[in-house]
C-alpha atoms as a PDB file:
ATOM      1  CA  UNK A   1      76.478 130.022 107.582  1.00  0.00           C
ATOM      2  CA  UNK A   2      78.896 127.942 109.672  1.00  0.00           C
ATOM      3  CA  UNK A   3      82.631 127.278 109.594  1.00  0.00           C
ATOM      4  CA  UNK A   4      84.909 124.828 107.794  1.00  0.00           C
ATOM      5  CA  UNK A   5      87.476 122.825 109.766  1.00  0.00           C
ATOM      6  CA  UNK A   6      90.508 121.518 107.866  1.00  0.00           C
ATOM      7  CA  UNK A   7      92.622 118.844 109.566  1.00  0.00           C
ATOM      8  CA  UNK A   8      96.396 118.588 109.125  1.00  0.00           C
ATOM      9  CA  UNK A   9      96.212 114.832 109.596  1.00  0.00           C
ATOM     10  CA  UNK A  10      99.894 113.853 109.430  1.00  0.00           C
ATOM     11  CA  UNK A  11     100.961 116.529 111.899  1.00  0.00           C
ATOM     12  CA  UNK A  12      98.191 115.723 114.386  1.00  0.00           C
ATOM     13  CA  UNK A  13      98.754 111.979 113.996  1.00  0.00           C
ATOM     14  CA  UNK A  14     102.525 112.216 114.505  1.00  0.00           C
ATOM     15  CA  UNK A  15     102.216 114.426 117.605  1.00  0.00           C
ATOM     16  CA  UNK A  16      99.473 112.237 119.110  1.00  0.00           C
ATOM     17  CA  UNK A  17     101.232 108.966 118.369  1.00  0.00           C
ATOM     18  CA  UNK A  18     104.590 110.171 119.728  1.00  0.00           C
ATOM     19  CA  UNK A  19     103.039 111.497 122.942  1.00  0.00           C
ATOM     20  CA  UNK A  20     101.027 108.352 123.640  1.00  0.00           C
ATOM     21  CA  UNK A  21     103.905 106.025 122.773  1.00  0.00           C
ATOM     22  CA  UNK A  22     106.152 107.821 125.260  1.00  0.00           C
ATOM     23  CA  UNK A  23     103.617 107.627 128.081  1.00  0.00           C
ATOM     24  CA  UNK A  24     101.794 104.345 127.387  1.00  0.00           C
ATOM     25  CA  UNK A  25     103.814 102.386 124.866  1.00  0.00           C
ATOM     26  CA  UNK A  26     102.384 101.000 121.633  1.00  0.00           C
ATOM     27  CA  UNK A  27      98.609 100.545 121.766  1.00  0.00           C
ATOM     28  CA  UNK A  28      97.353  97.469 119.906  1.00  0.00           C
ATOM     29  CA  UNK A  29      94.013  95.736 119.777  1.00  0.00           C
ATOM     30  CA  UNK A  30      93.587  92.118 120.912  1.00  0.00           C
ATOM     31  CA  UNK A  31      93.989  91.227 117.217  1.00  0.00           C
ATOM     32  CA  UNK A  32      97.378  92.972 117.132  1.00  0.00           C
ATOM     33  CA  UNK A  33      96.322  96.079 115.151  1.00  0.00           C
ATOM     34  CA  UNK A  34      98.386  99.214 116.004  1.00  0.00           C
ATOM     35  CA  UNK A  35      96.015 102.031 116.985  1.00  0.00           C
ATOM     36  CA  UNK A  36      98.115 104.492 119.005  1.00  0.00           C
ATOM     37  CA  UNK A  37      98.054 107.344 116.494  1.00  0.00           C
ATOM     38  CA  UNK A  38      94.478 106.676 115.443  1.00  0.00           C
ATOM     39  CA  UNK A  39      93.228 106.832 119.020  1.00  0.00           C
ATOM     40  CA  UNK A  40      95.176 109.987 119.815  1.00  0.00           C
ATOM     41  CA  UNK A  41      94.100 111.723 116.604  1.00  0.00           C
ATOM     42  CA  UNK A  42      90.424 110.982 117.231  1.00  0.00           C
ATOM     43  CA  UNK A  43      90.665 112.355 120.764  1.00  0.00           C
ATOM     44  CA  UNK A  44      92.229 115.529 119.377  1.00  0.00           C
ATOM     45  CA  UNK A  45      89.594 115.952 116.657  1.00  0.00           C
ATOM     46  CA  UNK A  46      86.665 115.331 118.998  1.00  0.00           C
ATOM     47  CA  UNK A  47      88.035 117.807 121.560  1.00  0.00           C
ATOM     48  CA  UNK A  48      87.985 120.511 118.876  1.00  0.00           C
ATOM     49  CA  UNK A  49      84.701 119.841 117.088  1.00  0.00           C
ATOM     50  CA  UNK A  50      82.925 119.667 120.437  1.00  0.00           C
ATOM     51  CA  UNK A  51      83.719 123.390 120.880  1.00  0.00           C
ATOM     52  CA  UNK A  52      82.962 124.691 117.377  1.00  0.00           C
ATOM     53  CA  UNK A  53      80.111 124.895 114.919  1.00  0.00           C
ATOM     54  CA  UNK A  54      81.440 123.250 111.795  1.00  0.00           C
ATOM     55  CA  UNK A  55      79.391 122.692 108.685  1.00  0.00           C
ATOM     56  CA  UNK A  56      82.094 120.476 107.213  1.00  0.00           C
ATOM     57  CA  UNK A  57      85.374 118.825 108.203  1.00  0.00           C
ATOM     58  CA  UNK A  58      88.045 118.035 105.611  1.00  0.00           C
ATOM     59  CA  UNK A  59      91.125 115.955 106.555  1.00  0.00           C
ATOM     60  CA  UNK A  60      94.273 116.516 104.448  1.00  0.00           C
ATOM     61  CA  UNK A  61      97.198 114.102 104.467  1.00  0.00           C
ATOM     62  CA  UNK A  62     100.563 113.533 102.762  1.00  0.00           C
ATOM     63  CA  UNK A  63     100.185 111.042  99.929  1.00  0.00           C
ATOM     64  CA  UNK A  64     103.949 110.800  99.275  1.00  0.00           C
ATOM     65  CA  UNK A  65     106.277 112.082  96.574  1.00  0.00           C
ATOM     66  CA  UNK A  66     107.005 115.492  98.147  1.00  0.00           C
ATOM     67  CA  UNK A  67     108.191 117.865  95.379  1.00  0.00           C
ATOM     68  CA  UNK A  68     110.290 119.851  97.870  1.00  0.00           C
ATOM     69  CA  UNK A  69     112.614 116.878  98.339  1.00  0.00           C
ATOM     70  CA  UNK A  70     113.466 117.196  94.639  1.00  0.00           C
ATOM     71  CA  UNK A  71     114.418 120.841  95.156  1.00  0.00           C
ATOM     72  CA  UNK A  72     116.529 120.109  98.241  1.00  0.00           C
ATOM     73  CA  UNK A  73     117.261 116.562  99.369  1.00  0.00           C
ATOM     74  CA  UNK A  74     118.033 117.813 102.894  1.00  0.00           C
ATOM     75  CA  UNK A  75     114.466 119.047 103.326  1.00  0.00           C
ATOM     76  CA  UNK A  76     112.973 117.180 106.301  1.00  0.00           C
ATOM     77  CA  UNK A  77     116.095 115.019 106.267  1.00  0.00           C
ATOM     78  CA  UNK A  78     116.161 115.124 110.065  1.00  0.00           C
ATOM     79  CA  UNK A  79     112.981 113.065 110.354  1.00  0.00           C
ATOM     80  CA  UNK A  80     113.326 109.515 111.645  1.00  0.00           C
ATOM     81  CA  UNK A  81     112.179 106.732 109.365  1.00  0.00           C
ATOM     82  CA  UNK A  82     108.710 105.586 110.356  1.00  0.00           C
ATOM     83  CA  UNK A  83     108.109 102.059 111.621  1.00  0.00           C
ATOM     84  CA  UNK A  84     105.772  99.518 110.040  1.00  0.00           C
ATOM     85  CA  UNK A  85     103.427 100.034 112.998  1.00  0.00           C
ATOM     86  CA  UNK A  86     103.347 103.768 112.214  1.00  0.00           C
ATOM     87  CA  UNK A  87     102.389 103.135 108.579  1.00  0.00           C
ATOM     88  CA  UNK A  88      99.762 100.558 109.500  1.00  0.00           C
ATOM     89  CA  UNK A  89      98.284 102.901 112.109  1.00  0.00           C
ATOM     90  CA  UNK A  90      98.184 105.826 109.658  1.00  0.00           C
ATOM     91  CA  UNK A  91      96.634 103.728 106.886  1.00  0.00           C
ATOM     92  CA  UNK A  92      93.916 102.553 109.267  1.00  0.00           C
ATOM     93  CA  UNK A  93      93.096 106.162 110.160  1.00  0.00           C
ATOM     94  CA  UNK A  94      92.971 107.515 106.609  1.00  0.00           C
ATOM     95  CA  UNK A  95      91.467 104.561 104.762  1.00  0.00           C
ATOM     96  CA  UNK A  96      88.940 103.248 107.287  1.00  0.00           C
ATOM     97  CA  UNK A  97      88.383 105.354 110.385  1.00  0.00           C
ATOM     98  CA  UNK A  98      87.973 108.882 108.986  1.00  0.00           C
ATOM     99  CA  UNK A  99      85.620 107.759 106.156  1.00  0.00           C
ATOM    100  CA  UNK A 100      83.459 105.864 108.666  1.00  0.00           C
ATOM    101  CA  UNK A 101      83.084 109.131 110.593  1.00  0.00           C
ATOM    102  CA  UNK A 102      81.738 110.808 107.435  1.00  0.00           C
ATOM    103  CA  UNK A 103      84.986 112.543 106.430  1.00  0.00           C
ATOM    104  CA  UNK A 104      86.556 112.477 102.950  1.00  0.00           C
ATOM    105  CA  UNK A 105      90.359 112.550 103.364  1.00  0.00           C
ATOM    106  CA  UNK A 106      92.280 114.440 100.662  1.00  0.00           C
ATOM    107  CA  UNK A 107      95.792 113.504  99.560  1.00  0.00           C
ATOM    108  CA  UNK A 108      97.641 114.202  96.300  1.00  0.00           C
ATOM    109  CA  UNK A 109     100.920 112.505  95.423  1.00  0.00           C
ATOM    110  CA  UNK A 110     103.710 115.021  95.011  1.00  0.00           C
ATOM    111  CA  UNK A 111     102.172 117.625  97.282  1.00  0.00           C
ATOM    112  CA  UNK A 112     102.265 118.087 101.039  1.00  0.00           C
ATOM    113  CA  UNK A 113      99.118 118.270 103.119  1.00  0.00           C
ATOM    114  CA  UNK A 114     100.042 121.906 103.849  1.00  0.00           C
ATOM    115  CA  UNK A 115      99.677 122.771 100.158  1.00  0.00           C
ATOM    116  CA  UNK A 116      96.264 121.114  99.988  1.00  0.00           C
ATOM    117  CA  UNK A 117      95.204 123.011 103.099  1.00  0.00           C
ATOM    118  CA  UNK A 118      96.394 126.281 101.559  1.00  0.00           C
ATOM    119  CA  UNK A 119      94.448 125.605  98.362  1.00  0.00           C
ATOM    120  CA  UNK A 120      91.235 124.576 100.111  1.00  0.00           C
ATOM    121  CA  UNK A 121      91.340 127.490 102.566  1.00  0.00           C
ATOM    122  CA  UNK A 122      91.788 129.923  99.669  1.00  0.00           C
ATOM    123  CA  UNK A 123      88.999 128.423  97.590  1.00  0.00           C
ATOM    124  CA  UNK A 124      86.190 127.880 100.096  1.00  0.00           C
ATOM    125  CA  UNK A 125      84.243 131.176 100.066  1.00  0.00           C
ATOM    126  CA  UNK A 126      80.946 129.560 101.102  1.00  0.00           C
ATOM    127  CA  UNK A 127      82.024 129.324 104.749  1.00  0.00           C
ATOM    128  CA  UNK A 128      81.925 132.078 107.358  1.00  0.00           C
ATOM    129  CA  UNK A 129      85.391 131.165 108.595  1.00  0.00           C
ATOM    130  CA  UNK A 130      87.987 128.502 107.844  1.00  0.00           C
ATOM    131  CA  UNK A 131      89.759 126.934 110.825  1.00  0.00           C
ATOM    132  CA  UNK A 132      92.908 124.836 110.382  1.00  0.00           C
ATOM    133  CA  UNK A 133      93.788 122.319 113.095  1.00  0.00           C
ATOM    134  CA  UNK A 134      97.519 121.596 113.183  1.00  0.00           C
ATOM    135  CA  UNK A 135     100.652 121.489 115.332  1.00  0.00           C
ATOM    136  CA  UNK A 136     102.743 123.122 112.582  1.00  0.00           C
ATOM    137  CA  UNK A 137     103.541 126.853 112.754  1.00  0.00           C
ATOM    138  CA  UNK A 138     104.207 126.896 108.972  1.00  0.00           C
ATOM    139  CA  UNK A 139     100.447 127.103 108.508  1.00  0.00           C
ATOM    140  CA  UNK A 140     100.315 130.436 110.354  1.00  0.00           C
ATOM    141  CA  UNK A 141     101.255 132.032 107.016  1.00  0.00           C
ATOM    142  CA  UNK A 142      97.694 131.247 105.868  1.00  0.00           C
ATOM    143  CA  UNK A 143      95.977 133.310 108.581  1.00  0.00           C
ATOM    144  CA  UNK A 144      93.745 136.100 107.263  1.00  0.00           C
ATOM    145  CA  UNK A 145      90.555 137.926 108.178  1.00  0.00           C
ATOM    146  CA  UNK A 146      88.578 134.699 107.702  1.00  0.00           C
ATOM    147  CA  UNK A 147      91.224 131.973 108.084  1.00  0.00           C
ATOM    148  CA  UNK A 148      92.361 131.035 111.594  1.00  0.00           C
ATOM    149  CA  UNK A 149      94.788 128.381 112.772  1.00  0.00           C
ATOM    150  CA  UNK A 150      94.120 126.257 115.846  1.00  0.00           C
ATOM    151  CA  UNK A 151      97.599 125.356 117.080  1.00  0.00           C
ATOM    152  CA  UNK A 152      97.322 122.164 119.104  1.00  0.00           C
ATOM    153  CA  UNK A 153      99.753 121.099 121.792  1.00  0.00           C
ATOM    154  CA  UNK A 154      97.498 118.957 123.967  1.00  0.00           C
ATOM    155  CA  UNK A 155      93.794 118.724 124.741  1.00  0.00           C
ATOM    156  CA  UNK A 156      94.307 121.339 127.450  1.00  0.00           C
ATOM    157  CA  UNK A 157      96.767 123.424 125.428  1.00  0.00           C
ATOM    158  CA  UNK A 158      95.330 124.830 122.221  1.00  0.00           C
ATOM    159  CA  UNK A 159      95.451 128.374 120.930  1.00  0.00           C
ATOM    160  CA  UNK A 160      93.552 129.923 118.048  1.00  0.00           C
ATOM    161  CA  UNK A 161      95.622 132.307 115.946  1.00  0.00           C
ATOM    162  CA  UNK A 162      94.153 135.232 114.081  1.00  0.00           C
ATOM    163  CA  UNK A 163      96.228 138.056 112.609  1.00  0.00           C
ATOM    164  CA  UNK A 164      96.866 139.734 115.975  1.00  0.00           C
ATOM    165  CA  UNK A 165      98.045 136.485 117.585  1.00  0.00           C
ATOM    166  CA  UNK A 166     100.500 135.823 114.729  1.00  0.00           C
ATOM    167  CA  UNK A 167     101.958 139.324 115.079  1.00  0.00           C
ATOM    168  CA  UNK A 168     102.233 138.805 118.830  1.00  0.00           C
ATOM    169  CA  UNK A 169     104.057 135.487 118.389  1.00  0.00           C
ATOM    170  CA  UNK A 170     106.447 136.369 115.546  1.00  0.00           C
ATOM    171  CA  UNK A 171     106.500 140.154 115.292  1.00  0.00           C
ATOM    172  CA  UNK A 172     105.441 140.012 111.633  1.00  0.00           C
ATOM    173  CA  UNK A 173     102.182 139.632 109.727  1.00  0.00           C
ATOM    174  CA  UNK A 174     100.975 136.177 108.564  1.00  0.00           C
ATOM    175  CA  UNK A 175     102.020 136.778 104.940  1.00  0.00           C
ATOM    176  CA  UNK A 176     105.541 137.539 106.220  1.00  0.00           C
ATOM    177  CA  UNK A 177     105.977 134.357 108.279  1.00  0.00           C
ATOM    178  CA  UNK A 178     107.522 132.673 105.233  1.00  0.00           C
ATOM    179  CA  UNK A 179     110.130 135.446 105.031  1.00  0.00           C
ATOM    180  CA  UNK A 180     110.960 135.092 108.731  1.00  0.00           C
ATOM    181  CA  UNK A 181     111.477 131.330 108.464  1.00  0.00           C
ATOM    182  CA  UNK A 182     113.456 131.708 105.218  1.00  0.00           C
ATOM    183  CA  UNK A 183     115.864 134.094 106.956  1.00  0.00           C
ATOM    184  CA  UNK A 184     116.143 132.271 110.307  1.00  0.00           C
ATOM    185  CA  UNK A 185     115.650 128.725 109.060  1.00  0.00           C
ATOM    186  CA  UNK A 186     113.246 126.087 110.321  1.00  0.00           C
ATOM    187  CA  UNK A 187     114.796 123.285 112.361  1.00  0.00           C
ATOM    188  CA  UNK A 188     111.609 121.185 112.270  1.00  0.00           C
ATOM    189  CA  UNK A 189     111.923 120.896 108.471  1.00  0.00           C
ATOM    190  CA  UNK A 190     115.742 120.877 108.439  1.00  0.00           C
ATOM    191  CA  UNK A 191     115.909 124.206 106.595  1.00  0.00           C
ATOM    192  CA  UNK A 192     119.121 126.076 107.459  1.00  0.00           C
ATOM    193  CA  UNK A 193     118.843 129.842 107.846  1.00  0.00           C
ATOM    194  CA  UNK A 194     121.328 132.575 106.997  1.00  0.00           C
ATOM    195  CA  UNK A 195     124.266 132.679 109.408  1.00  0.00           C
ATOM    196  CA  UNK A 196     124.094 135.621 111.771  1.00  0.00           C
ATOM    197  CA  UNK A 197     120.390 136.300 111.291  1.00  0.00           C
ATOM    198  CA  UNK A 198     118.198 135.424 114.253  1.00  0.00           C
ATOM    199  CA  UNK A 199     114.525 136.178 114.848  1.00  0.00           C
ATOM    200  CA  UNK A 200     115.029 139.785 116.051  1.00  0.00           C
ATOM    201  CA  UNK A 201     117.285 140.680 113.133  1.00  0.00           C
ATOM    202  CA  UNK A 202     114.926 138.959 110.709  1.00  0.00           C
ATOM    203  CA  UNK A 203     111.952 140.962 111.980  1.00  0.00           C
ATOM    204  CA  UNK A 204     113.929 144.187 111.542  1.00  0.00           C
ATOM    205  CA  UNK A 205     114.916 143.227 107.994  1.00  0.00           C
ATOM    206  CA  UNK A 206     111.302 142.405 107.108  1.00  0.00           C
ATOM    207  CA  UNK A 207     110.063 145.703 108.583  1.00  0.00           C
ATOM    208  CA  UNK A 208     112.642 147.637 106.571  1.00  0.00           C
ATOM    209  CA  UNK A 209     111.769 145.719 103.396  1.00  0.00           C
ATOM    210  CA  UNK A 210     108.012 146.101 103.260  1.00  0.00           C
ATOM    211  CA  UNK A 211     106.667 147.324  99.880  1.00  0.00           C
ATOM    212  CA  UNK A 212     106.223 151.075  99.645  1.00  0.00           C
ATOM    213  CA  UNK A 213     104.435 153.559  97.393  1.00  0.00           C
ATOM    214  CA  UNK A 214     107.808 154.812  96.184  1.00  0.00           C
ATOM    215  CA  UNK A 215     108.765 151.502  94.563  1.00  0.00           C
ATOM    216  CA  UNK A 216     105.499 149.507  94.317  1.00  0.00           C
ATOM    217  CA  UNK A 217     107.014 147.158  91.732  1.00  0.00           C
ATOM    218  CA  UNK A 218     109.287 145.627  94.373  1.00  0.00           C
ATOM    219  CA  UNK A 219     107.753 142.910  96.564  1.00  0.00           C
ATOM    220  CA  UNK A 220     108.844 142.212 100.115  1.00  0.00           C
ATOM    221  CA  UNK A 221     111.005 139.323  98.895  1.00  0.00           C
ATOM    222  CA  UNK A 222     112.713 141.557  96.292  1.00  0.00           C
ATOM    223  CA  UNK A 223     113.609 144.164  98.884  1.00  0.00           C
ATOM    224  CA  UNK A 224     114.780 141.541 101.387  1.00  0.00           C
ATOM    225  CA  UNK A 225     117.191 140.171  98.760  1.00  0.00           C
ATOM    226  CA  UNK A 226     118.640 143.682  98.345  1.00  0.00           C
ATOM    227  CA  UNK A 227     119.084 144.228 102.076  1.00  0.00           C
ATOM    228  CA  UNK A 228     122.802 144.502 102.972  1.00  0.00           C
ATOM    229  CA  UNK A 229     122.625 141.627 105.473  1.00  0.00           C
ATOM    230  CA  UNK A 230     120.875 139.350 102.990  1.00  0.00           C
ATOM    231  CA  UNK A 231     122.280 140.292  99.566  1.00  0.00           C
ATOM    232  CA  UNK A 232     125.398 138.052  99.855  1.00  0.00           C
ATOM    233  CA  UNK A 233     123.080 135.145 100.760  1.00  0.00           C
ATOM    234  CA  UNK A 234     120.163 135.953  98.449  1.00  0.00           C
ATOM    235  CA  UNK A 235     120.313 132.524  96.785  1.00  0.00           C
ATOM    236  CA  UNK A 236     119.940 130.811 100.173  1.00  0.00           C
ATOM    237  CA  UNK A 237     117.027 133.074 101.118  1.00  0.00           C
ATOM    238  CA  UNK A 238     115.203 132.442  97.809  1.00  0.00           C
ATOM    239  CA  UNK A 239     115.867 128.706  97.982  1.00  0.00           C
ATOM    240  CA  UNK A 240     114.443 128.579 101.509  1.00  0.00           C
ATOM    241  CA  UNK A 241     111.479 130.692 100.449  1.00  0.00           C
ATOM    242  CA  UNK A 242     110.632 128.157  97.733  1.00  0.00           C
ATOM    243  CA  UNK A 243     110.624 125.367 100.322  1.00  0.00           C
ATOM    244  CA  UNK A 244     108.649 127.210 102.993  1.00  0.00           C
ATOM    245  CA  UNK A 245     106.032 129.017 100.892  1.00  0.00           C
ATOM    246  CA  UNK A 246     102.817 127.005 100.685  1.00  0.00           C
ATOM    247  CA  UNK A 247     101.272 126.445  97.268  1.00  0.00           C
ATOM    248  CA  UNK A 248      97.681 127.669  97.253  1.00  0.00           C
ATOM    249  CA  UNK A 249      96.764 126.505  93.768  1.00  0.00           C
ATOM    250  CA  UNK A 250      97.392 122.748  93.623  1.00  0.00           C
ATOM    251  CA  UNK A 251      96.248 121.727  90.125  1.00  0.00           C
ATOM    252  CA  UNK A 252      93.176 119.548  89.686  1.00  0.00           C
ATOM    253  CA  UNK A 253      92.617 119.308  93.437  1.00  0.00           C
ATOM    254  CA  UNK A 254      89.164 118.057  94.354  1.00  0.00           C
ATOM    255  CA  UNK A 255      87.663 117.880  97.801  1.00  0.00           C
ATOM    256  CA  UNK A 256      84.288 116.981  99.209  1.00  0.00           C
ATOM    257  CA  UNK A 257      82.322 118.121 102.236  1.00  0.00           C
ATOM    258  CA  UNK A 258      81.886 115.743 105.118  1.00  0.00           C
ATOM    259  CA  UNK A 259      78.580 113.979 105.655  1.00  0.00           C
ATOM    260  CA  UNK A 260      76.649 112.720 108.662  1.00  0.00           C
ATOM    261  CA  UNK A 261      77.941 109.257 109.615  1.00  0.00           C
ATOM    262  CA  UNK A 262      75.769 106.232 110.303  1.00  0.00           C
ATOM    263  CA  UNK A 263      75.618 105.847 114.115  1.00  0.00           C
ATOM    264  CA  UNK A 264      75.648 102.033 113.971  1.00  0.00           C
ATOM    265  CA  UNK A 265      78.819 102.092 111.863  1.00  0.00           C
ATOM    266  CA  UNK A 266      80.546 104.479 114.258  1.00  0.00           C
ATOM    267  CA  UNK A 267      79.662 102.285 117.223  1.00  0.00           C
ATOM    268  CA  UNK A 268      80.912  99.175 115.406  1.00  0.00           C
ATOM    269  CA  UNK A 269      84.140 100.991 114.572  1.00  0.00           C
ATOM    270  CA  UNK A 270      84.818 101.917 118.193  1.00  0.00           C
ATOM    271  CA  UNK A 271      83.958  98.389 119.320  1.00  0.00           C
ATOM    272  CA  UNK A 272      86.187  96.761 116.727  1.00  0.00           C
ATOM    273  CA  UNK A 273      89.147  98.973 117.647  1.00  0.00           C
ATOM    274  CA  UNK A 274      88.391  98.500 121.353  1.00  0.00           C
ATOM    275  CA  UNK A 275      88.167 102.239 122.018  1.00  0.00           C
ATOM    276  CA  UNK A 276      86.169 101.874 125.224  1.00  0.00           C
ATOM    277  CA  UNK A 277      86.581 105.489 126.321  1.00  0.00           C
ATOM    278  CA  UNK A 278      85.161 106.670 122.992  1.00  0.00           C
ATOM    279  CA  UNK A 279      82.256 104.248 123.319  1.00  0.00           C
ATOM    280  CA  UNK A 280      81.392 105.883 126.645  1.00  0.00           C
ATOM    281  CA  UNK A 281      81.322 109.270 124.897  1.00  0.00           C
ATOM    282  CA  UNK A 282      79.537 107.915 121.835  1.00  0.00           C
ATOM    283  CA  UNK A 283      76.394 110.022 122.270  1.00  0.00           C
ATOM    284  CA  UNK A 284      78.310 113.281 122.600  1.00  0.00           C
ATOM    285  CA  UNK A 285      80.574 112.388 119.684  1.00  0.00           C
ATOM    286  CA  UNK A 286      77.670 111.523 117.395  1.00  0.00           C
ATOM    287  CA  UNK A 287      75.975 114.807 118.260  1.00  0.00           C
ATOM    288  CA  UNK A 288      79.138 116.725 117.388  1.00  0.00           C
ATOM    289  CA  UNK A 289      79.275 114.833 114.061  1.00  0.00           C
ATOM    290  CA  UNK A 290      75.742 115.976 113.229  1.00  0.00           C
ATOM    291  CA  UNK A 291      73.773 112.885 114.172  1.00  0.00           C
ATOM    292  CA  UNK A 292      70.408 113.763 115.728  1.00  0.00           C
END
């Protein structure tokens, strides 16, 4: 039994594209096709699968129509509007490149990639472990005994988070990360926290609000709402919690395991996109993708 790797495509793509654009400018083929994010994302993926033993790789992406924007129109309101080159680059990756590599990208309109990742990680018992590749700390709330998050910063800076690593980073358990961010806020998603509550205070509140045998009917969220520092702002806390909590039961979600790609098609893809460095590593890449 091997592991499942789930890719947070939008997060990886955005980080890769931004980094490469800053250092190299926009990468385009001789035919004028934008490939900055595609190239960076592939380099990231290949650097990870070369180190692991994955039976399947499932990319998840945002298909648009985020339901959280309907709950709060300020959610992710700090994000810059993407350029046409960005959209073209992303479409190339999801519609052509990833399928050629044997992957089956999953996107559902109305839901974020994070929700799809939560659902798939919860409902994939056939794998020894589930690894999630992302740059987003929101996904650390999914960590469990068999689910780990590979937090990517650069090819040379990645860290795998199990339960102990999450506790070391935040001071709370993975299931409590959503409470921490709901109290403190999350600037990356433009979620404002409760005034006067920083990370240290939030950790203390969460510790004092853990469910007990005395009142087992109260969840952690219930007790946090009753905490003196939170009670006057309970509506803000609960509203934030709705935005930050990942849905792990997206209805009618279907996903498919990856398959071994056709080597000739992979080579043609790299040639067509003029990815010369990937062509030089073609043999190693094909081996990592399961080609004998």
